[in-house]
Amino acid sequence: MSKETTFLIYCIEIYKNAKALSGKQVMALFNKYHVPEYVVSYFEALHTTGERYIVDDIDLYIAARQA
């Protein structure tokens, strides 16, 4: 498993816990807004940040795509 894939799984888990969602709900949301591609693309920057930053960044990314 690549480091990017491992990090994506980590992001799914922290997002799930932060938002009190199921894994299925998070994956539906992430797939709808192409979050996995975003996380993998920006792995180098994101993996150096904390959990709260990652959750907030994903929220901003999703909000920008909802508009």
Protein backbone atom coordinates (compact mmCIF):
# COMPACT_ATOMS: atom_id res chain seq x y z
CA MET A 1 0.00 0.00 0.00
CA SER A 2 1.39 3.41 -0.92
CA LYS A 3 1.96 6.17 1.61
CA GLU A 4 -0.70 8.23 -0.17
CA THR A 5 -3.28 5.46 0.18
CA THR A 6 -2.40 4.99 3.84
CA PHE A 7 -2.79 8.73 4.37
CA LEU A 8 -6.13 8.76 2.57
CA ILE A 9 -7.42 6.05 4.92
CA TYR A 10 -6.18 8.14 7.86
CA CYS A 11 -8.04 11.19 6.50
CA ILE A 12 -11.25 9.18 6.10
CA GLU A 13 -11.01 7.98 9.69
CA ILE A 14 -10.32 11.39 11.23
CA TYR A 15 -13.07 12.99 9.14
CA LYS A 16 -15.51 10.24 10.14
CA ASN A 17 -14.74 10.74 13.82
CA ALA A 18 -14.79 14.55 13.64
CA LYS A 19 -18.18 14.63 11.91
CA ALA A 20 -19.74 11.61 13.66
CA LEU A 21 -20.44 9.93 10.32
CA SER A 22 -20.26 6.32 9.25
CA GLY A 23 -17.54 5.17 6.91
CA LYS A 24 -20.17 4.67 4.22
CA GLN A 25 -21.41 8.27 4.64
CA VAL A 26 -17.88 9.67 4.44
CA MET A 27 -17.09 7.68 1.32
CA ALA A 28 -20.31 8.81 -0.37
CA LEU A 29 -19.46 12.44 0.43
CA PHE A 30 -15.80 12.07 -0.56
CA ASN A 31 -16.65 10.35 -3.83
CA LYS A 32 -19.30 12.92 -4.71
CA TYR A 33 -16.77 15.75 -4.41
CA HIS A 34 -13.64 13.85 -5.52
CA VAL A 35 -11.93 14.28 -2.16
CA PRO A 36 -9.72 11.18 -2.53
CA GLU A 37 -8.10 12.65 -5.64
CA TYR A 38 -7.59 15.95 -3.81
CA VAL A 39 -6.01 14.29 -0.77
CA VAL A 40 -3.65 12.20 -2.90
CA SER A 41 -2.73 15.20 -5.08
CA TYR A 42 -1.88 17.35 -2.07
CA PHE A 43 -0.42 14.59 0.08
CA GLU A 44 2.97 16.32 0.39
CA ALA A 45 1.42 19.42 1.97
CA LEU A 46 -1.42 17.80 3.91
CA HIS A 47 0.52 15.02 5.62
CA THR A 48 2.60 17.59 7.54
CA THR A 49 -0.46 19.18 9.17
CA GLY A 50 -2.62 18.23 12.14
CA GLU A 51 -5.96 16.48 12.24
CA ARG A 52 -8.01 19.65 12.76
CA TYR A 53 -6.35 21.33 9.78
CA ILE A 54 -7.03 18.31 7.56
CA VAL A 55 -10.72 18.19 8.52
CA ASP A 56 -11.10 21.95 8.02
CA ASP A 57 -9.27 21.79 4.69
CA ILE A 58 -11.52 18.99 3.43
CA ASP A 59 -14.58 20.98 4.55
CA LEU A 60 -13.34 24.01 2.59
CA TYR A 61 -12.66 21.85 -0.46
CA ILE A 62 -16.16 20.35 -0.34
CA ALA A 63 -17.79 23.76 0.23
CA ALA A 64 -16.00 25.19 -2.80
CA ARG A 65 -17.38 22.40 -4.97
CA GLN A 66 -20.94 22.78 -3.68
CA ALA A 67 -21.21 26.36 -4.92
